[in-house]
Protein backbone atom coordinates (compact mmCIF):
# COMPACT_ATOMS: atom_id res chain seq x y z
CA MET A 1 -6.23 -12.36 -30.36
CA LEU A 2 -2.91 -11.50 -28.71
CA ASP A 3 -3.84 -7.81 -28.76
CA ASP A 4 -7.08 -8.58 -26.91
CA ILE A 5 -5.17 -10.54 -24.25
CA VAL A 6 -2.72 -7.67 -23.73
CA ILE A 7 -5.55 -5.14 -23.46
CA GLY A 8 -7.43 -7.42 -21.06
CA LEU A 9 -4.40 -7.82 -18.79
CA SER A 10 -3.83 -4.07 -18.81
CA ILE A 11 -7.42 -3.48 -17.71
CA ILE A 12 -7.15 -6.06 -14.91
CA VAL A 13 -3.91 -4.55 -13.60
CA SER A 14 -5.30 -1.02 -13.84
CA ILE A 15 -8.42 -1.96 -11.88
CA TRP A 16 -6.23 -3.63 -9.25
CA SER A 17 -4.09 -0.50 -9.06
CA VAL A 18 -7.14 1.75 -8.65
CA TYR A 19 -8.48 -0.63 -6.00
CA ASN A 20 -5.33 -0.34 -3.90
CA SER A 21 -4.86 3.37 -4.54
CA ALA A 22 -8.42 4.11 -3.42
CA PHE A 23 -7.76 2.36 -0.11
CA ALA A 24 -4.46 4.23 0.29
CA ILE A 25 -6.20 7.58 -0.14
CA TYR A 26 -8.87 6.46 2.33
CA GLY A 27 -6.18 5.43 4.81
CA LEU A 28 -4.16 8.60 4.29
CA SER A 29 -7.13 10.69 5.40
CA TRP A 30 -7.84 8.63 8.54
CA LYS A 31 -7.74 10.81 11.66
CA SER A 32 -8.30 8.47 14.57
CA ASP A 33 -9.52 9.24 18.06
CA GLU A 34 -9.11 6.01 19.98
CA PRO A 35 -9.34 5.23 23.70
CA LYS A 36 -6.49 3.72 25.70
CA THR A 37 -5.89 2.30 29.15
CA SER A 38 -2.93 2.17 31.53
CA SER A 39 -3.63 -1.38 32.67
CA GLY A 40 -5.43 -4.45 31.35
CA PRO A 41 -4.35 -7.76 29.83
CA SER A 42 -0.82 -9.00 30.38
CA PHE A 43 1.71 -8.77 27.54
CA SER A 44 4.76 -10.75 26.52
CA LEU A 45 6.81 -8.66 24.11
CA LEU A 46 9.04 -10.86 21.96
CA VAL A 47 12.11 -9.34 20.29
CA PRO A 48 13.91 -11.75 17.91
CA VAL A 49 17.42 -10.46 17.19
CA ARG A 50 20.55 -11.34 15.27
CA ASN A 51 23.42 -8.86 15.00
CA GLU A 52 21.31 -5.94 16.23
CA GLU A 53 23.90 -4.26 18.47
CA LYS A 54 23.33 -0.89 16.77
CA VAL A 55 19.58 -0.66 17.38
CA LEU A 56 18.53 -3.03 20.18
CA GLY A 57 19.18 -0.55 22.99
CA ARG A 58 17.03 2.07 21.26
CA LEU A 59 14.06 -0.32 21.16
CA LEU A 60 14.48 -1.57 24.74
CA GLU A 61 14.52 2.01 26.03
CA ARG A 62 11.12 2.54 24.44
CA LEU A 63 9.66 -0.73 25.70
CA VAL A 64 10.69 -0.38 29.35
CA ASN A 65 9.25 3.16 29.42
CA GLN A 66 5.79 2.25 28.15
CA GLU A 67 2.92 4.11 29.81
CA TYR A 68 1.42 0.86 31.04
CA ASP A 69 1.39 -1.05 34.30
CA ARG A 70 4.89 -2.52 34.38
CA SER A 71 3.70 -5.51 36.39
CA LYS A 72 1.53 -6.46 33.40
CA TYR A 73 4.23 -6.99 30.79
CA GLU A 74 7.52 -8.72 30.16
CA ILE A 75 10.14 -8.30 27.44
CA ILE A 76 11.84 -11.40 26.07
CA VAL A 77 14.82 -10.86 23.76
CA LEU A 78 15.55 -13.94 21.66
CA GLU A 79 19.13 -13.74 20.42
CA ASP A 80 19.89 -16.16 17.61
CA GLY A 81 23.43 -16.59 16.30
CA SER A 82 24.76 -13.04 16.66
CA THR A 83 28.43 -12.38 15.96
CA ASP A 84 28.45 -8.87 17.43
CA ASN A 85 27.66 -7.61 20.95
CA THR A 86 23.87 -7.99 20.69
CA LEU A 87 23.70 -10.38 23.64
CA GLY A 88 25.90 -8.07 25.69
CA VAL A 89 23.54 -5.15 25.06
CA CYS A 90 20.59 -7.28 26.12
CA ASN A 91 22.32 -8.51 29.28
CA LYS A 92 23.15 -4.92 30.24
CA PHE A 93 19.48 -3.96 30.01
CA SER A 94 18.33 -7.09 31.86
CA GLU A 95 20.58 -6.11 34.77
CA MET A 96 18.91 -2.69 34.85
CA TYR A 97 15.30 -3.86 34.38
CA SER A 98 13.77 -6.98 35.90
CA ILE A 99 11.10 -7.20 33.18
CA ILE A 100 13.71 -7.94 30.49
CA LYS A 101 14.83 -11.50 29.89
CA CYS A 102 17.63 -12.47 27.50
CA VAL A 103 17.59 -15.88 25.78
CA HIS A 104 20.38 -17.23 23.61
CA LEU A 105 19.36 -19.76 20.94
CA GLU A 106 21.69 -22.18 19.24
CA LYS A 107 21.89 -22.10 15.44
CA SER A 108 19.29 -23.99 13.46
CA ASN A 109 18.77 -24.88 9.79
CA VAL A 110 15.10 -23.87 9.52
CA VAL A 111 14.09 -21.61 6.63
CA ASN A 112 12.79 -18.84 8.86
CA GLY A 113 14.93 -18.26 11.93
CA LYS A 114 12.70 -15.45 13.13
CA SER A 115 9.70 -17.80 13.31
CA ARG A 116 11.76 -20.36 15.17
CA ALA A 117 12.82 -17.74 17.73
CA LEU A 118 9.25 -16.50 18.16
CA ASN A 119 7.91 -20.02 18.68
CA TYR A 120 10.49 -20.58 21.41
CA GLY A 121 9.53 -17.27 22.98
CA LEU A 122 5.87 -18.26 22.92
CA LYS A 123 6.67 -21.40 24.93
CA ILE A 124 8.46 -19.56 27.73
CA SER A 125 6.23 -16.47 27.83
CA ARG A 126 3.29 -15.98 30.18
CA GLY A 127 1.35 -13.01 28.80
CA ASP A 128 -2.22 -13.15 27.49
CA ILE A 129 -1.19 -11.01 24.51
CA ILE A 130 1.95 -11.73 22.52
CA GLY A 131 3.62 -8.71 20.96
CA VAL A 132 6.39 -8.82 18.34
CA PHE A 133 8.96 -6.09 17.75
CA ASP A 134 11.86 -6.13 15.32
CA ALA A 135 14.97 -4.58 16.82
CA ASP A 136 14.93 -1.54 14.52
CA THR A 137 11.44 -0.52 15.65
CA VAL A 138 10.87 2.63 17.72
CA PRO A 139 7.35 2.48 19.22
CA ARG A 140 5.48 5.36 20.77
CA LEU A 141 5.40 5.18 24.56
CA ASP A 142 1.64 4.64 24.64
CA VAL A 143 1.28 1.72 22.21
CA LEU A 144 0.48 -0.90 24.87
CA GLY A 145 -2.33 1.24 26.25
CA TYR A 146 -4.04 1.52 22.88
CA VAL A 147 -3.48 -2.17 22.05
CA ALA A 148 -4.86 -3.33 25.40
CA GLN A 149 -8.05 -1.34 24.83
CA LYS A 150 -8.55 -2.98 21.43
CA PHE A 151 -8.46 -6.45 22.95
CA ILE A 152 -10.65 -5.43 25.89
CA SER A 153 -13.30 -3.86 23.64
CA ASN A 154 -13.92 -6.89 21.40
CA SER A 155 -13.35 -10.55 22.25
CA ARG A 156 -13.34 -11.40 18.53
CA VAL A 157 -10.14 -9.42 18.01
CA GLY A 158 -7.36 -11.94 17.49
CA GLY A 159 -4.66 -9.51 16.42
CA VAL A 160 -3.75 -5.82 16.38
CA GLN A 161 -1.37 -4.18 13.93
CA GLY A 162 0.11 -0.75 14.54
CA ARG A 163 1.01 1.86 11.96
CA LEU A 164 4.61 1.67 10.73
CA VAL A 165 6.40 4.81 9.55
CA PRO A 166 9.99 4.98 8.19
CA ILE A 167 12.32 6.63 10.68
CA ASN A 168 15.26 7.18 8.34
CA VAL A 169 13.54 8.52 5.23
CA ARG A 170 16.26 11.04 4.42
CA GLU A 171 19.28 8.84 5.11
CA SER A 172 19.95 7.98 1.46
CA ILE A 173 18.43 7.96 -2.02
CA VAL A 174 17.56 4.28 -1.55
CA ALA A 175 15.89 5.05 1.78
CA ARG A 176 13.69 7.73 0.20
CA LEU A 177 12.48 5.46 -2.60
CA ALA A 178 11.99 2.49 -0.27
CA SER A 179 10.01 4.76 2.05
CA LEU A 180 7.65 5.78 -0.75
CA GLU A 181 6.94 2.12 -1.52
CA GLU A 182 6.40 1.16 2.12
CA LEU A 183 4.22 4.16 2.90
CA PHE A 184 2.04 3.47 -0.14
CA SER A 185 1.52 -0.06 1.17
CA GLU A 186 0.99 1.14 4.74
CA TYR A 187 -1.74 3.59 3.82
CA SER A 188 -3.39 0.95 1.64
CA ILE A 189 -3.54 -1.36 4.67
CA SER A 190 -4.88 1.51 6.75
CA GLY A 191 -7.66 2.10 4.22
CA ARG A 192 -8.53 -1.59 4.13
CA ALA A 193 -8.79 -1.58 7.92
CA ARG A 194 -10.97 1.51 7.88
CA ALA A 195 -13.29 -0.25 5.40
CA GLY A 196 -13.43 -3.41 7.53
CA LEU A 197 -11.43 -5.58 5.11
CA PHE A 198 -8.30 -7.73 5.43
CA VAL A 199 -5.56 -6.46 7.72
CA PRO A 200 -2.19 -8.25 7.61
CA LEU A 201 0.20 -8.40 10.52
CA GLU A 202 3.43 -6.75 9.41
CA GLY A 203 6.02 -8.52 11.53
CA THR A 204 6.69 -5.72 14.01
CA CYS A 205 4.47 -3.71 16.34
CA SER A 206 2.12 -6.69 15.95
CA PHE A 207 0.03 -8.25 18.71
CA VAL A 208 -1.88 -11.56 18.87
CA ARG A 209 -3.96 -13.30 21.52
CA ARG A 210 -2.07 -16.23 22.98
CA ASP A 211 -4.99 -18.66 22.57
CA ALA A 212 -5.38 -17.65 18.89
CA LEU A 213 -1.65 -18.19 18.29
CA GLU A 214 -1.75 -21.60 19.92
CA LYS A 215 -4.80 -22.56 17.90
CA VAL A 216 -2.98 -21.95 14.60
CA GLY A 217 0.24 -23.57 15.81
CA GLY A 218 2.35 -20.44 16.22
CA TRP A 219 4.55 -19.06 13.45
CA ASN A 220 5.36 -21.05 10.32
CA GLU A 221 9.11 -21.79 10.23
CA ASN A 222 9.07 -22.88 6.58
CA VAL A 223 7.82 -19.72 4.84
CA LEU A 224 9.60 -16.44 4.16
CA THR A 225 6.76 -14.14 5.28
CA GLU A 226 5.61 -15.66 8.55
CA ASP A 227 3.59 -12.59 9.48
CA LEU A 228 1.40 -12.78 6.38
CA ASP A 229 1.01 -16.55 6.76
CA LEU A 230 -0.21 -16.04 10.34
CA SER A 231 -2.59 -13.29 9.21
CA LEU A 232 -4.22 -15.58 6.64
CA LYS A 233 -4.61 -18.37 9.20
CA LEU A 234 -6.23 -16.07 11.77
CA THR A 235 -8.54 -14.56 9.16
CA SER A 236 -9.60 -17.98 7.88
CA LEU A 237 -10.66 -18.85 11.46
CA ASN A 238 -12.78 -15.67 11.57
CA TYR A 239 -10.57 -13.81 14.01
CA LEU A 240 -10.49 -10.06 13.50
CA ILE A 241 -7.18 -8.37 12.92
CA VAL A 242 -7.60 -4.66 13.56
CA TYR A 243 -5.34 -1.80 12.61
CA SER A 244 -4.77 1.19 14.84
CA PRO A 245 -3.18 4.44 13.60
CA SER A 246 -2.65 5.35 17.28
CA VAL A 247 -0.45 2.28 17.80
CA GLN A 248 2.39 3.91 15.92
CA SER A 249 5.99 2.83 15.56
CA TRP A 250 8.86 4.01 13.43
CA ARG A 251 11.22 1.56 11.75
CA GLU A 252 14.24 1.66 9.50
CA VAL A 253 14.10 1.14 5.75
CA PRO A 254 17.15 -0.15 3.84
CA VAL A 255 19.74 2.52 3.05
CA THR A 256 21.88 0.55 0.58
CA PHE A 257 20.95 -0.95 -2.76
CA SER A 258 22.15 -4.47 -1.91
CA SER A 259 20.23 -4.52 1.37
CA LEU A 260 17.09 -3.31 -0.38
CA VAL A 261 17.31 -6.01 -3.06
CA ARG A 262 17.75 -8.81 -0.52
CA GLN A 263 14.86 -7.62 1.62
CA ARG A 264 12.47 -7.07 -1.26
CA LEU A 265 13.24 -10.42 -2.88
CA ARG A 266 12.43 -12.12 0.42
CA TRP A 267 9.20 -10.17 0.83
CA TYR A 268 8.04 -10.61 -2.76
CA ARG A 269 8.91 -14.29 -2.94
CA GLY A 270 7.20 -14.87 0.40
CA ASN A 271 4.04 -13.18 -0.90
CA PHE A 272 4.06 -15.25 -4.09
CA GLU A 273 4.65 -18.41 -2.07
CA LEU A 274 1.46 -17.70 -0.11
CA THR A 275 -0.40 -16.72 -3.28
CA MET A 276 0.19 -20.26 -4.51
CA ARG A 277 -1.21 -21.63 -1.25
CA ILE A 278 -4.10 -19.27 -0.56
CA SER A 279 -6.72 -21.80 -1.68
CA ARG A 280 -5.69 -24.00 1.26
CA PHE A 281 -7.06 -21.50 3.76
CA LYS A 282 -10.67 -21.73 4.87
CA PHE A 283 -12.72 -19.28 2.79
CA THR A 284 -13.97 -16.03 4.31
CA TRP A 285 -14.93 -12.84 2.48
CA ARG A 286 -11.91 -11.05 3.91
CA LEU A 287 -9.71 -13.59 2.14
CA VAL A 288 -11.00 -12.26 -1.19
CA ASP A 289 -9.47 -8.90 -0.34
CA ALA A 290 -6.44 -10.70 1.08
CA ALA A 291 -5.85 -12.30 -2.32
CA MET A 292 -5.66 -8.81 -3.86
CA LEU A 293 -2.91 -7.93 -1.39
CA VAL A 294 -1.02 -11.22 -1.22
CA GLY A 295 -1.12 -11.54 -5.02
CA THR A 296 0.80 -8.29 -5.52
CA PRO A 297 3.77 -10.05 -7.20
CA VAL A 298 1.46 -11.54 -9.83
CA PHE A 299 -0.29 -8.23 -10.55
CA MET A 300 3.03 -6.37 -10.68
CA VAL A 301 4.42 -8.76 -13.29
CA LEU A 302 1.17 -8.62 -15.28
CA SER A 303 1.61 -4.84 -15.43
CA LEU A 304 4.29 -5.50 -18.05
CA ALA A 305 1.33 -5.80 -20.42
CA ASN A 306 1.03 -2.01 -20.27
CA TYR A 307 4.36 -1.67 -22.04
CA SER A 308 3.03 -3.76 -24.91
CA LEU A 309 0.21 -1.30 -25.59
CA VAL A 310 2.55 0.84 -27.69
CA PHE A 311 2.58 -1.95 -30.27
CA ILE A 312 -1.20 -1.90 -30.61
CA TYR A 313 -2.66 0.58 -33.04
CA SER A 314 -4.39 3.44 -31.24
CA TYR A 315 -7.71 2.89 -33.04
CA GLN A 316 -7.91 -0.54 -31.40
CA LEU A 317 -7.85 0.99 -27.93
CA HIS A 318 -11.36 1.86 -26.84
CA VAL A 319 -11.71 5.28 -25.21
CA LEU A 320 -13.02 3.67 -22.01
CA ILE A 321 -10.03 1.33 -21.80
CA ALA A 322 -7.60 4.20 -22.25
CA ALA A 323 -9.46 6.17 -19.59
CA ILE A 324 -9.18 3.34 -17.05
CA ILE A 325 -5.45 2.96 -17.60
CA SER A 326 -4.88 6.74 -17.46
CA PHE A 327 -7.01 7.08 -14.32
CA SER A 328 -4.96 4.37 -12.63
CA SER A 329 -1.71 6.17 -13.43
CA MET A 330 -3.07 9.52 -12.25
CA MET A 331 -4.23 8.05 -8.93
CA THR A 332 -0.81 6.53 -8.33
CA LEU A 333 0.91 9.83 -9.11
CA LEU A 334 -1.48 11.75 -6.85
CA LEU A 335 -0.79 9.38 -3.98
CA ILE A 336 2.98 9.65 -4.39
CA ILE A 337 2.68 13.45 -4.28
CA MET A 338 0.50 13.33 -1.15
CA ILE A 339 2.81 10.88 0.62
CA SER A 340 5.93 12.83 -0.37
CA ARG A 341 4.54 16.05 1.06
CA ARG A 342 3.38 14.45 4.30
CA HIS A 343 6.72 12.76 4.93
CA MET A 344 8.97 15.53 3.59
CA ILE A 345 10.42 13.62 0.64
CA GLU A 346 11.82 15.96 -2.02
CA THR A 347 9.94 16.50 -5.29
CA ILE A 348 12.66 14.93 -7.42
CA TYR A 349 11.83 11.55 -5.91
CA ILE A 350 8.30 11.75 -7.27
CA ILE A 351 9.90 11.54 -10.71
CA LEU A 352 12.43 8.90 -9.69
CA SER A 353 9.63 6.78 -8.23
CA ALA A 354 8.56 5.92 -11.79
CA LEU A 355 11.97 4.36 -12.40
CA TYR A 356 11.82 2.68 -9.00
CA LEU A 357 8.46 1.15 -9.92
CA ASN A 358 10.04 -0.53 -12.93
CA PHE A 359 12.84 -1.77 -10.71
CA THR A 360 10.38 -3.37 -8.27
CA ILE A 361 8.54 -5.01 -11.18
CA SER A 362 11.79 -6.71 -12.16
CA LEU A 363 12.32 -7.88 -8.57
CA HIS A 364 8.79 -9.29 -8.45
CA LEU A 365 9.50 -11.18 -11.66
CA ILE A 366 12.77 -12.57 -10.26
CA SER A 367 11.05 -13.62 -7.03
CA ILE A 368 8.38 -15.53 -8.97
CA VAL A 369 11.01 -17.27 -11.09
CA LEU A 370 12.96 -18.24 -7.97
CA GLU A 371 9.87 -19.75 -6.36
CA LEU A 372 8.68 -21.60 -9.46
CA ALA A 373 12.20 -22.94 -10.05
CA GLY A 374 12.35 -24.22 -6.47
CA ALA A 375 15.49 -22.27 -5.61
CA PRO A 376 16.69 -22.74 -2.01
CA LYS A 377 14.96 -20.37 0.40
CA GLY A 378 16.88 -18.35 2.94
CA TRP A 379 15.88 -15.71 5.47
CA SER A 380 18.35 -12.86 5.00
CA LYS A 381 18.58 -10.23 7.72
CA THR A 382 18.22 -6.58 6.73
CA GLU A 383 21.17 -4.44 7.81
CA ARG A 384 20.40 -1.54 10.17
CA SER A 385 22.23 1.75 10.34
CA GLY A 386 21.08 2.78 13.83
CA LYS A 387 21.96 6.43 13.11
CA ILE A 388 18.66 7.82 14.37
CA THR A 389 18.63 8.15 18.15
CA VAL A 390 15.62 8.73 20.36
CA ASP A 391 15.60 10.21 23.84
CA VAL A 392 13.11 8.90 26.39
CA PRO A 393 12.57 9.91 30.01
CA ARG A 394 14.13 7.71 32.66
CA PRO A 395 11.65 6.05 35.07
């Protein structure tokens, strides 16, 4: 009986893995040709920051130089409890550019300080479209043009998510492995979007209609993954969230082990938290696919069943079952090779990724235990290195 349960769990996890890998391959091959405009709806670009002195200037340079009618957008930097010169950097830019506004927020005890800052920014903003950028993001100079066209083309579009690519892949061993994980996820989202399925907002280079945001009550200040929570709410109200490969931004991945662990535990626990609540959202068919994505922590922990197969006599494993599990592993390996070559990650990390996978499984397990045990939740900020600089033309 126990053997049958183990085999059954292995099959379920393998099918889930093939499901996601298939979308990632589909997304990896997406060559988009999308229209853009230089003027259209008005934007309010919200930038929540805390101790981002190293990277804030890099982002603001990109935002003020967007190839879009400057009278149609504003940039609101929401500084919350910084102990470095973040506010000073913002004030310097606001003196240079009238479209930048700096806001200092007093400390608060809410679980998710980023959500709190964004909700305040929503209240004081005036744009029809609300954009969100983390300070470490480096957007292309034409992102607003492509995003504007998406909202113009379809009134049902409630949100737009751009493609996120690691900017510091080669900064450390940790950065390379973290990049492989994030790129796998990114191409899986891209494939889902291409197939017309669930698209999550990813917390940066994300755009939402103001009226849709107000309808769902803004960002949830009591969850760890506010972007995913917002995505589920919008989807349950039948808004479309579209993904655009042309709306591309680069962002930093963690470069140290401790920073990686803190970030991943927050992400994984936030996903599991929403997995427990997903039945509360109004049912739509896209939410079925959403459950496959949001439930990643559960599926990752269930994959431990694969390690138990060695204790089951080989004659008990049906040829078809073995084929499914092997096919799943081969698809994952193929994807890692394809992603590594596209993003110039050395071959050795293809091998190390197998060890990294086991490491992430352990973090998923810890995140589930923390949530089930009711451990205090805290929103820990990911440290930035800011070593990658980007030159942009002056207006």
